[in-house]
């Protein structure tokens, strides 16, 4: 219910038409060059029949890193991925889930110095982060995003 409500509220966001388009036959990822909040980025991906990227294996990490590094002007920028933190009094600690599937993380790529104070997942490849994950406020408006094509296992 909450996810549907958030989707409807965010669906009114305006989108730029100049996002990078990646040939999905070569890669399942598309780098969005508009700076959006997490929900705006999710809606933008869904608008194009995609979802926010889910980095669930070392193979996906390598593929994402290659796509990001292929755009030299953007490789130092942060990108929203499709992960978020849910806090529930029933859990001993907060749980990280993939927004598209609501499944918990089985694989992680956290930067060792990441604080767990924010609720959305960002991937950053500049020298200090080395293509690792960190957290960011879901309402941050200076973050790019990465969409991915869904496959039958998603």
N, C-alpha and C. Protein backbone atom coordinates (compact mmCIF):
# COMPACT_ATOMS: atom_id res chain seq x y z
N UNK A 1 0.82 -1.19 0.00
CA UNK A 1 0.00 0.00 0.00
C UNK A 1 0.86 1.26 0.00
N UNK A 2 1.84 1.32 0.93
CA UNK A 2 2.71 2.49 1.00
C UNK A 2 3.47 2.68 -0.30
N UNK A 3 3.98 1.58 -0.87
CA UNK A 3 4.73 1.68 -2.13
C UNK A 3 3.83 2.23 -3.23
N UNK A 4 2.57 1.78 -3.30
CA UNK A 4 1.65 2.28 -4.33
C UNK A 4 1.36 3.75 -4.13
N UNK A 5 1.17 4.17 -2.88
CA UNK A 5 0.89 5.56 -2.59
C UNK A 5 2.08 6.42 -2.98
N UNK A 6 3.30 6.00 -2.61
CA UNK A 6 4.50 6.75 -2.97
C UNK A 6 4.64 6.85 -4.47
N UNK A 7 4.33 5.77 -5.17
CA UNK A 7 4.42 5.75 -6.63
C UNK A 7 3.48 6.77 -7.23
N UNK A 8 2.25 6.86 -6.73
CA UNK A 8 1.29 7.80 -7.27
C UNK A 8 1.70 9.24 -7.00
N UNK A 9 2.21 9.52 -5.82
CA UNK A 9 2.65 10.87 -5.48
C UNK A 9 3.82 11.28 -6.36
N UNK A 10 4.77 10.39 -6.52
CA UNK A 10 5.97 10.71 -7.29
C UNK A 10 5.71 10.72 -8.79
N UNK A 11 4.64 10.12 -9.25
CA UNK A 11 4.38 10.00 -10.69
C UNK A 11 4.14 11.34 -11.36
N UNK A 12 3.94 12.39 -10.58
CA UNK A 12 3.71 13.70 -11.17
C UNK A 12 5.02 14.43 -11.50
N UNK A 13 6.15 13.86 -11.16
CA UNK A 13 7.44 14.51 -11.40
C UNK A 13 7.69 14.66 -12.90
N UNK A 14 8.33 15.76 -13.26
CA UNK A 14 8.69 15.99 -14.66
C UNK A 14 10.05 15.36 -14.94
N UNK A 15 10.24 14.82 -16.12
CA UNK A 15 11.48 14.14 -16.46
C UNK A 15 12.14 14.77 -17.66
N UNK A 16 13.46 14.77 -17.64
CA UNK A 16 14.23 15.26 -18.78
C UNK A 16 14.28 14.18 -19.85
N UNK A 17 14.34 14.60 -21.09
CA UNK A 17 14.42 13.65 -22.20
C UNK A 17 15.86 13.39 -22.62
N UNK A 18 16.82 13.97 -21.90
CA UNK A 18 18.21 13.84 -22.33
C UNK A 18 18.98 12.81 -21.52
N UNK A 19 18.29 11.86 -20.88
CA UNK A 19 19.00 10.81 -20.15
C UNK A 19 19.81 9.98 -21.12
N UNK A 20 20.96 9.48 -20.64
CA UNK A 20 21.75 8.58 -21.47
C UNK A 20 20.91 7.38 -21.86
N UNK A 21 21.03 6.98 -23.07
CA UNK A 21 20.37 5.76 -23.52
C UNK A 21 21.45 4.75 -23.84
N UNK A 22 21.43 3.64 -23.17
CA UNK A 22 22.40 2.57 -23.37
C UNK A 22 21.70 1.48 -24.16
N UNK A 23 22.36 0.94 -25.14
CA UNK A 23 21.81 -0.16 -25.93
C UNK A 23 21.60 -1.35 -25.01
N UNK A 24 20.34 -1.67 -24.72
CA UNK A 24 20.03 -2.73 -23.77
C UNK A 24 20.40 -4.12 -24.31
N UNK A 25 20.76 -4.22 -25.59
CA UNK A 25 21.26 -5.50 -26.08
C UNK A 25 22.73 -5.70 -25.64
N UNK A 26 23.40 -4.60 -25.32
CA UNK A 26 24.79 -4.66 -24.86
C UNK A 26 24.90 -4.64 -23.34
N UNK A 27 23.95 -4.02 -22.68
CA UNK A 27 23.97 -3.91 -21.22
C UNK A 27 22.53 -3.80 -20.74
N UNK A 28 22.27 -4.30 -19.55
CA UNK A 28 20.91 -4.17 -19.01
C UNK A 28 20.75 -2.90 -18.19
N UNK A 29 21.76 -2.02 -18.20
CA UNK A 29 21.74 -0.81 -17.39
C UNK A 29 21.63 0.46 -18.22
N UNK A 30 20.95 1.46 -17.67
CA UNK A 30 20.82 2.78 -18.26
C UNK A 30 21.19 3.80 -17.19
N UNK A 31 22.14 4.67 -17.46
CA UNK A 31 22.51 5.72 -16.52
C UNK A 31 21.63 6.93 -16.75
N UNK A 32 20.93 7.34 -15.71
CA UNK A 32 20.09 8.53 -15.79
C UNK A 32 20.90 9.76 -15.46
N UNK A 33 20.84 10.77 -16.32
CA UNK A 33 21.64 11.97 -16.11
C UNK A 33 20.85 13.12 -15.51
N UNK A 34 19.60 12.89 -15.16
CA UNK A 34 18.84 13.87 -14.41
C UNK A 34 19.11 13.63 -12.93
N UNK A 35 19.18 14.68 -12.16
CA UNK A 35 19.37 14.55 -10.72
C UNK A 35 17.99 14.53 -10.07
N UNK A 36 17.66 13.38 -9.46
CA UNK A 36 16.33 13.16 -8.93
C UNK A 36 16.39 12.60 -7.52
N UNK A 37 15.26 12.68 -6.79
CA UNK A 37 15.16 11.98 -5.53
C UNK A 37 15.03 10.48 -5.82
N UNK A 38 15.12 9.67 -4.78
CA UNK A 38 15.00 8.22 -4.95
C UNK A 38 13.68 7.86 -5.61
N UNK A 39 12.56 8.38 -5.11
CA UNK A 39 11.25 8.02 -5.67
C UNK A 39 11.08 8.55 -7.09
N UNK A 40 11.57 9.74 -7.36
CA UNK A 40 11.51 10.26 -8.73
C UNK A 40 12.32 9.38 -9.68
N UNK A 41 13.48 8.92 -9.22
CA UNK A 41 14.32 8.04 -10.04
C UNK A 41 13.61 6.71 -10.29
N UNK A 42 12.98 6.17 -9.25
CA UNK A 42 12.24 4.91 -9.41
C UNK A 42 11.12 5.08 -10.44
N UNK A 43 10.37 6.15 -10.33
CA UNK A 43 9.27 6.40 -11.27
C UNK A 43 9.80 6.61 -12.69
N UNK A 44 10.93 7.31 -12.81
CA UNK A 44 11.53 7.53 -14.13
C UNK A 44 11.92 6.20 -14.78
N UNK A 45 12.52 5.32 -13.99
CA UNK A 45 12.87 4.00 -14.53
C UNK A 45 11.62 3.25 -14.95
N UNK A 46 10.60 3.23 -14.09
CA UNK A 46 9.36 2.51 -14.40
C UNK A 46 8.70 3.10 -15.65
N UNK A 47 8.78 4.40 -15.83
CA UNK A 47 8.23 5.07 -17.01
C UNK A 47 8.80 4.48 -18.29
N UNK A 48 10.06 4.04 -18.23
CA UNK A 48 10.73 3.46 -19.40
C UNK A 48 10.71 1.93 -19.38
N UNK A 49 9.89 1.33 -18.51
CA UNK A 49 9.79 -0.13 -18.45
C UNK A 49 10.97 -0.80 -17.76
N UNK A 50 11.67 -0.04 -16.91
CA UNK A 50 12.86 -0.52 -16.20
C UNK A 50 12.62 -0.41 -14.70
N UNK A 51 13.63 -0.66 -13.91
CA UNK A 51 13.58 -0.44 -12.47
C UNK A 51 14.93 0.09 -12.02
N UNK A 52 15.00 0.63 -10.80
CA UNK A 52 16.30 1.04 -10.28
C UNK A 52 17.19 -0.18 -10.16
N UNK A 53 18.45 -0.01 -10.47
CA UNK A 53 19.40 -1.13 -10.53
C UNK A 53 19.53 -1.84 -9.19
N UNK A 54 19.66 -3.16 -9.29
CA UNK A 54 19.88 -4.01 -8.12
C UNK A 54 21.20 -4.72 -8.32
N UNK A 55 22.15 -4.43 -7.45
CA UNK A 55 23.49 -5.01 -7.52
C UNK A 55 23.54 -6.19 -6.55
N UNK A 56 23.24 -7.39 -7.07
CA UNK A 56 23.04 -8.55 -6.19
C UNK A 56 24.14 -9.59 -6.24
N UNK A 57 25.09 -9.42 -7.15
CA UNK A 57 26.19 -10.41 -7.28
C UNK A 57 27.47 -9.67 -7.67
N UNK A 58 28.59 -10.35 -7.53
CA UNK A 58 29.86 -9.74 -7.95
C UNK A 58 29.88 -9.52 -9.46
N UNK A 59 29.19 -10.38 -10.21
CA UNK A 59 29.10 -10.19 -11.67
C UNK A 59 28.35 -8.90 -11.99
N UNK A 60 27.25 -8.64 -11.28
CA UNK A 60 26.51 -7.40 -11.50
C UNK A 60 27.35 -6.19 -11.07
N UNK A 61 28.12 -6.34 -10.00
CA UNK A 61 29.03 -5.27 -9.58
C UNK A 61 29.99 -4.94 -10.71
N UNK A 62 30.61 -5.94 -11.29
CA UNK A 62 31.57 -5.72 -12.38
C UNK A 62 30.91 -5.07 -13.59
N UNK A 63 29.71 -5.52 -13.93
CA UNK A 63 29.01 -4.94 -15.08
C UNK A 63 28.63 -3.49 -14.81
N UNK A 64 28.09 -3.21 -13.63
CA UNK A 64 27.74 -1.83 -13.27
C UNK A 64 28.97 -0.92 -13.28
N UNK A 65 30.05 -1.40 -12.68
CA UNK A 65 31.28 -0.60 -12.66
C UNK A 65 31.75 -0.27 -14.07
N UNK A 66 31.68 -1.23 -14.97
CA UNK A 66 32.11 -1.00 -16.35
C UNK A 66 31.22 0.03 -17.04
N UNK A 67 29.91 -0.04 -16.81
CA UNK A 67 29.00 0.93 -17.43
C UNK A 67 29.29 2.33 -16.90
N UNK A 68 29.44 2.45 -15.58
CA UNK A 68 29.71 3.77 -14.98
C UNK A 68 31.04 4.32 -15.51
N UNK A 69 32.06 3.50 -15.53
CA UNK A 69 33.39 3.97 -15.94
C UNK A 69 33.46 4.27 -17.43
N UNK A 70 32.50 3.77 -18.22
CA UNK A 70 32.49 4.08 -19.65
C UNK A 70 32.05 5.51 -19.93
N UNK A 71 31.49 6.19 -18.93
CA UNK A 71 31.09 7.59 -19.06
C UNK A 71 32.01 8.41 -18.17
N UNK A 72 33.14 8.80 -18.71
CA UNK A 72 34.18 9.45 -17.91
C UNK A 72 33.68 10.72 -17.22
N UNK A 73 32.74 11.43 -17.82
CA UNK A 73 32.26 12.66 -17.20
C UNK A 73 31.35 12.39 -15.99
N UNK A 74 30.85 11.18 -15.87
CA UNK A 74 29.95 10.87 -14.75
C UNK A 74 30.53 9.90 -13.73
N UNK A 75 31.68 9.32 -14.00
CA UNK A 75 32.13 8.21 -13.16
C UNK A 75 32.40 8.60 -11.71
N UNK A 76 32.61 9.87 -11.42
CA UNK A 76 32.84 10.26 -10.03
C UNK A 76 31.54 10.66 -9.32
N UNK A 77 30.42 10.62 -10.02
CA UNK A 77 29.14 11.04 -9.45
C UNK A 77 28.47 9.92 -8.67
N UNK A 78 27.65 10.27 -7.69
CA UNK A 78 26.85 9.25 -6.99
C UNK A 78 25.62 8.88 -7.81
N UNK A 79 25.20 7.60 -7.71
CA UNK A 79 24.03 7.10 -8.42
C UNK A 79 23.13 6.34 -7.44
N UNK A 80 21.84 6.67 -7.45
CA UNK A 80 20.90 5.87 -6.68
C UNK A 80 20.79 4.48 -7.29
N UNK A 81 20.83 3.47 -6.43
CA UNK A 81 20.46 2.11 -6.79
C UNK A 81 19.10 1.83 -6.14
N UNK A 82 18.54 0.67 -6.37
CA UNK A 82 17.19 0.37 -5.90
C UNK A 82 17.08 -0.19 -4.50
N UNK A 83 18.05 0.09 -3.64
CA UNK A 83 18.00 -0.41 -2.27
C UNK A 83 17.55 0.65 -1.28
N UNK A 84 16.85 0.22 -0.24
CA UNK A 84 16.43 1.14 0.81
C UNK A 84 16.41 0.41 2.15
N UNK A 85 16.48 1.20 3.21
CA UNK A 85 16.51 0.66 4.56
C UNK A 85 15.12 0.80 5.18
N UNK A 86 14.64 -0.29 5.74
CA UNK A 86 13.37 -0.26 6.44
C UNK A 86 13.65 -0.47 7.93
N UNK A 87 13.04 0.39 8.73
CA UNK A 87 13.19 0.30 10.18
C UNK A 87 11.86 -0.15 10.75
N UNK A 88 11.90 -1.20 11.52
CA UNK A 88 10.69 -1.77 12.08
C UNK A 88 11.01 -2.20 13.51
N UNK A 89 10.15 -1.87 14.45
CA UNK A 89 10.43 -2.25 15.84
C UNK A 89 10.56 -3.76 16.04
N UNK A 90 10.05 -4.57 15.12
CA UNK A 90 10.15 -6.02 15.25
C UNK A 90 11.54 -6.54 14.89
N UNK A 91 12.30 -5.74 14.13
CA UNK A 91 13.65 -6.14 13.75
C UNK A 91 14.63 -5.64 14.80
N UNK A 92 15.64 -6.43 15.10
CA UNK A 92 16.67 -5.99 16.04
C UNK A 92 17.42 -4.81 15.46
N UNK A 93 17.69 -4.86 14.17
CA UNK A 93 18.35 -3.77 13.48
C UNK A 93 17.63 -3.51 12.16
N UNK A 94 17.83 -2.33 11.58
CA UNK A 94 17.18 -2.04 10.30
C UNK A 94 17.56 -3.07 9.24
N UNK A 95 16.67 -3.26 8.29
CA UNK A 95 16.90 -4.24 7.23
C UNK A 95 16.96 -3.51 5.88
N UNK A 96 17.91 -3.90 5.05
CA UNK A 96 18.05 -3.35 3.70
C UNK A 96 17.35 -4.27 2.71
N UNK A 97 16.51 -3.66 1.85
CA UNK A 97 15.72 -4.41 0.88
C UNK A 97 15.89 -3.78 -0.51
N UNK A 98 15.62 -4.59 -1.54
CA UNK A 98 15.52 -4.08 -2.92
C UNK A 98 14.09 -3.61 -3.11
N UNK A 99 13.92 -2.36 -3.54
CA UNK A 99 12.60 -1.76 -3.64
C UNK A 99 11.70 -2.51 -4.62
N UNK A 100 12.24 -2.95 -5.72
CA UNK A 100 11.43 -3.62 -6.75
C UNK A 100 10.85 -4.95 -6.25
N UNK A 101 11.62 -5.68 -5.47
CA UNK A 101 11.20 -7.03 -5.07
C UNK A 101 10.87 -7.15 -3.58
N UNK A 102 11.27 -6.17 -2.78
CA UNK A 102 11.15 -6.19 -1.32
C UNK A 102 11.89 -7.39 -0.72
N UNK A 103 12.91 -7.88 -1.42
CA UNK A 103 13.74 -8.96 -0.91
C UNK A 103 14.96 -8.36 -0.23
N UNK A 104 15.41 -8.98 0.88
CA UNK A 104 16.60 -8.47 1.57
C UNK A 104 17.86 -8.70 0.75
N UNK A 105 18.88 -7.90 1.07
CA UNK A 105 20.18 -8.04 0.41
C UNK A 105 20.79 -9.38 0.80
N UNK A 106 21.24 -10.15 -0.18
CA UNK A 106 22.02 -11.36 0.05
C UNK A 106 23.49 -11.11 -0.26
N UNK A 107 23.76 -10.03 -0.97
CA UNK A 107 25.10 -9.64 -1.39
C UNK A 107 25.23 -8.16 -1.06
N UNK A 108 26.39 -7.74 -0.58
CA UNK A 108 26.59 -6.32 -0.32
C UNK A 108 27.93 -5.85 -0.87
N UNK A 109 28.01 -4.55 -1.07
CA UNK A 109 29.22 -3.94 -1.62
C UNK A 109 29.48 -2.61 -0.88
N UNK A 110 29.31 -2.63 0.44
CA UNK A 110 29.45 -1.42 1.24
C UNK A 110 30.89 -0.93 1.29
N UNK A 111 31.04 0.38 1.24
CA UNK A 111 32.32 0.99 1.53
C UNK A 111 32.56 0.78 3.03
N UNK A 112 33.78 0.45 3.45
CA UNK A 112 34.01 0.13 4.85
C UNK A 112 33.70 1.27 5.83
N UNK A 113 33.75 2.50 5.39
CA UNK A 113 33.50 3.63 6.28
C UNK A 113 32.09 4.19 6.16
N UNK A 114 31.19 3.44 5.55
CA UNK A 114 29.82 3.93 5.36
C UNK A 114 29.08 4.00 6.68
N UNK A 115 28.43 5.14 6.91
CA UNK A 115 27.56 5.24 8.08
C UNK A 115 26.18 4.72 7.66
N UNK A 116 25.44 4.26 8.59
CA UNK A 116 24.14 3.68 8.30
C UNK A 116 23.03 4.64 8.74
N UNK A 117 23.26 5.95 8.54
CA UNK A 117 22.33 6.94 9.06
C UNK A 117 21.24 7.32 8.07
N UNK A 118 21.43 7.07 6.79
CA UNK A 118 20.42 7.42 5.79
C UNK A 118 19.74 6.16 5.28
N UNK A 119 18.67 6.34 4.50
CA UNK A 119 17.81 5.20 4.16
C UNK A 119 17.84 4.76 2.70
N UNK A 120 18.63 5.39 1.84
CA UNK A 120 18.67 4.95 0.45
C UNK A 120 20.09 4.61 0.03
N UNK A 121 20.19 3.70 -0.94
CA UNK A 121 21.46 3.15 -1.38
C UNK A 121 22.01 3.93 -2.57
N UNK A 122 23.29 4.30 -2.47
CA UNK A 122 23.98 5.03 -3.53
C UNK A 122 25.27 4.29 -3.86
N UNK A 123 25.60 4.26 -5.13
CA UNK A 123 26.88 3.71 -5.60
C UNK A 123 27.73 4.87 -6.07
N UNK A 124 28.99 4.90 -5.64
CA UNK A 124 29.88 5.99 -6.03
C UNK A 124 31.24 5.43 -6.40
N UNK A 125 31.78 5.89 -7.54
CA UNK A 125 33.03 5.33 -8.07
C UNK A 125 34.20 6.29 -8.02
N UNK A 126 34.10 7.39 -7.30
CA UNK A 126 35.28 8.27 -7.23
C UNK A 126 36.36 7.62 -6.38
N UNK A 127 37.52 8.24 -6.31
CA UNK A 127 38.67 7.62 -5.66
C UNK A 127 38.40 7.21 -4.21
N UNK A 128 37.63 7.99 -3.50
CA UNK A 128 37.37 7.67 -2.10
C UNK A 128 36.42 6.51 -1.90
N UNK A 129 35.58 6.22 -2.89
CA UNK A 129 34.58 5.16 -2.72
C UNK A 129 34.84 3.92 -3.57
N UNK A 130 35.63 4.01 -4.60
CA UNK A 130 36.05 2.85 -5.41
C UNK A 130 34.88 1.97 -5.84
N UNK A 131 33.82 2.59 -6.32
CA UNK A 131 32.62 1.88 -6.81
C UNK A 131 31.97 1.03 -5.73
N UNK A 132 31.94 1.57 -4.55
CA UNK A 132 31.29 0.90 -3.41
C UNK A 132 29.99 1.60 -3.08
N UNK A 133 29.21 0.98 -2.21
CA UNK A 133 27.94 1.54 -1.77
C UNK A 133 28.15 2.46 -0.57
N UNK A 134 27.23 3.42 -0.46
CA UNK A 134 27.09 4.26 0.73
C UNK A 134 25.62 4.61 0.87
N UNK A 135 25.27 5.25 1.97
CA UNK A 135 23.88 5.63 2.17
C UNK A 135 23.70 7.11 1.87
N UNK A 136 22.47 7.47 1.58
CA UNK A 136 22.13 8.86 1.29
C UNK A 136 20.66 9.06 1.62
N UNK A 137 20.30 10.28 1.91
CA UNK A 137 18.88 10.59 2.13
C UNK A 137 18.10 10.31 0.85
N UNK A 138 16.95 9.71 1.01
CA UNK A 138 16.09 9.42 -0.16
C UNK A 138 15.58 10.70 -0.82
N UNK A 139 15.62 11.81 -0.10
CA UNK A 139 15.13 13.08 -0.64
C UNK A 139 16.24 13.93 -1.25
N UNK A 140 17.46 13.43 -1.28
CA UNK A 140 18.55 14.18 -1.90
C UNK A 140 18.22 14.42 -3.36
N UNK A 141 18.53 15.61 -3.83
CA UNK A 141 18.19 15.97 -5.21
C UNK A 141 19.42 16.19 -6.07
N UNK A 142 20.59 15.79 -5.61
CA UNK A 142 21.81 15.97 -6.40
C UNK A 142 22.38 14.64 -6.86
N UNK A 143 21.57 13.60 -6.87
CA UNK A 143 22.03 12.24 -7.18
C UNK A 143 21.49 11.81 -8.55
N UNK A 144 22.37 11.23 -9.37
CA UNK A 144 21.94 10.59 -10.60
C UNK A 144 21.38 9.22 -10.24
N UNK A 145 21.05 8.40 -11.22
CA UNK A 145 20.47 7.09 -10.92
C UNK A 145 20.81 6.11 -12.03
N UNK A 146 20.65 4.82 -11.72
CA UNK A 146 20.90 3.77 -12.70
C UNK A 146 19.66 2.88 -12.77
N UNK A 147 19.12 2.73 -13.97
CA UNK A 147 18.00 1.82 -14.20
C UNK A 147 18.53 0.52 -14.78
N UNK A 148 17.74 -0.53 -14.63
CA UNK A 148 18.10 -1.79 -15.26
C UNK A 148 16.87 -2.43 -15.86
N UNK A 149 17.10 -3.20 -16.91
CA UNK A 149 16.02 -4.00 -17.50
C UNK A 149 15.74 -5.16 -16.57
N UNK A 150 14.49 -5.46 -16.38
CA UNK A 150 14.11 -6.61 -15.55
C UNK A 150 14.22 -7.88 -16.37
N UNK A 151 14.62 -8.95 -15.71
CA UNK A 151 14.60 -10.24 -16.39
C UNK A 151 13.60 -11.14 -15.69
N UNK A 152 13.42 -12.32 -16.18
CA UNK A 152 12.37 -13.20 -15.67
C UNK A 152 12.60 -13.60 -14.21
N UNK A 153 13.82 -13.52 -13.71
CA UNK A 153 14.07 -13.91 -12.32
C UNK A 153 13.73 -12.78 -11.35
N UNK A 154 13.49 -11.56 -11.87
CA UNK A 154 13.12 -10.44 -11.01
C UNK A 154 11.65 -10.45 -10.80
